[in-house]
Amino acid sequence: MQPKKNQKLTPVWRALIEMGFIIFLFYSNLLMGEFIQSGVGQSKGFLWAVENIFTEINFIIAITSALIGYLVFEFLRNRL
């Protein structure tokens, strides 16, 4: 028998993992954009591109989009 504490943490861990994956996809998309679309990353290098995408506003956007994405998928998961 599992303690109740572990049962309550399961949805939290699932939310953190799903949001973390959405954040990973967000930042990987930004990094690819630095090398493919703008092309500046190719001339300035990988470290410049990483420093350029990890900004405060990008982090706020990543957290917000991850929360919205998680809530939408959770709604669809419960609905279907």
Protein backbone atom coordinates (compact mmCIF):
# COMPACT_ATOMS: atom_id res chain seq x y z
CA MET A 1 0.00 0.00 0.00
CA GLN A 2 1.36 3.43 -0.96
CA PRO A 3 1.25 6.29 1.50
CA LYS A 4 -1.08 9.17 0.68
CA LYS A 5 1.86 11.55 0.41
CA ASN A 6 3.20 9.76 -2.68
CA GLN A 7 -0.24 9.72 -4.28
CA LYS A 8 -0.52 13.49 -3.94
CA LEU A 9 2.94 14.08 -5.40
CA THR A 10 2.25 12.05 -8.53
CA PRO A 11 0.16 14.75 -10.30
CA VAL A 12 2.71 17.39 -9.32
CA TRP A 13 5.61 15.36 -10.73
CA ARG A 14 3.63 14.66 -13.91
CA ALA A 15 2.92 18.37 -14.31
CA LEU A 16 6.58 19.28 -13.76
CA ILE A 17 7.78 16.68 -16.25
CA GLU A 18 5.27 17.71 -18.91
CA MET A 19 6.00 21.41 -18.41
CA GLY A 20 9.73 20.71 -18.49
CA PHE A 21 9.35 18.96 -21.81
CA ILE A 22 7.39 21.90 -23.25
CA ILE A 23 10.12 24.28 -22.00
CA PHE A 24 12.78 22.06 -23.58
CA LEU A 25 10.96 22.17 -26.92
CA PHE A 26 10.60 25.96 -26.66
CA TYR A 27 14.31 26.54 -26.06
CA SER A 28 15.42 24.00 -28.66
CA ASN A 29 13.20 25.76 -31.19
CA LEU A 30 14.78 29.12 -30.29
CA LEU A 31 18.27 27.67 -30.58
CA MET A 32 17.55 26.15 -33.99
CA GLY A 33 16.18 29.52 -35.11
CA GLU A 34 19.47 31.17 -34.26
CA PHE A 35 21.29 28.84 -36.64
CA ILE A 36 18.75 28.33 -39.42
CA GLN A 37 16.45 31.34 -39.77
CA SER A 38 18.53 34.29 -38.65
CA GLY A 39 21.87 32.65 -39.41
CA VAL A 40 23.63 34.88 -36.86
CA GLY A 41 24.41 31.87 -34.70
CA GLN A 42 26.49 30.36 -37.48
CA SER A 43 28.81 33.36 -37.58
CA LYS A 44 28.90 34.22 -33.85
CA GLY A 45 29.02 30.66 -32.51
CA PHE A 46 27.12 28.30 -30.26
CA LEU A 47 27.86 30.02 -26.94
CA TRP A 48 26.63 33.34 -28.29
CA ALA A 49 23.39 31.67 -29.43
CA VAL A 50 22.86 30.05 -26.03
CA GLU A 51 23.46 33.36 -24.24
CA ASN A 52 21.12 35.09 -26.66
CA ILE A 53 18.15 32.76 -26.08
CA PHE A 54 18.38 32.43 -22.28
CA THR A 55 16.90 35.78 -21.35
CA GLU A 56 14.40 36.75 -18.68
CA ILE A 57 11.61 37.46 -21.16
CA ASN A 58 12.16 34.15 -22.95
CA PHE A 59 11.99 32.37 -19.59
CA ILE A 60 8.68 34.08 -18.77
CA ILE A 61 7.32 33.11 -22.18
CA ALA A 62 8.53 29.53 -21.73
CA ILE A 63 6.90 29.15 -18.30
CA THR A 64 3.65 30.73 -19.50
CA SER A 65 3.43 28.60 -22.62
CA ALA A 66 4.30 25.47 -20.64
CA LEU A 67 1.54 26.18 -18.14
CA ILE A 68 -0.99 26.85 -20.88
CA GLY A 69 0.10 23.74 -22.77
CA TYR A 70 -0.12 21.60 -19.66
CA LEU A 71 -3.60 22.92 -18.81
CA VAL A 72 -4.85 22.31 -22.36
CA PHE A 73 -3.52 18.74 -22.45
CA GLU A 74 -4.86 18.04 -18.96
CA PHE A 75 -8.28 19.33 -20.03
CA LEU A 76 -8.21 17.13 -23.13
CA ARG A 77 -6.97 14.15 -21.13
CA ASN A 78 -9.87 14.46 -18.67
CA ARG A 79 -12.39 15.22 -21.43
CA LEU A 80 -11.57 12.23 -23.61
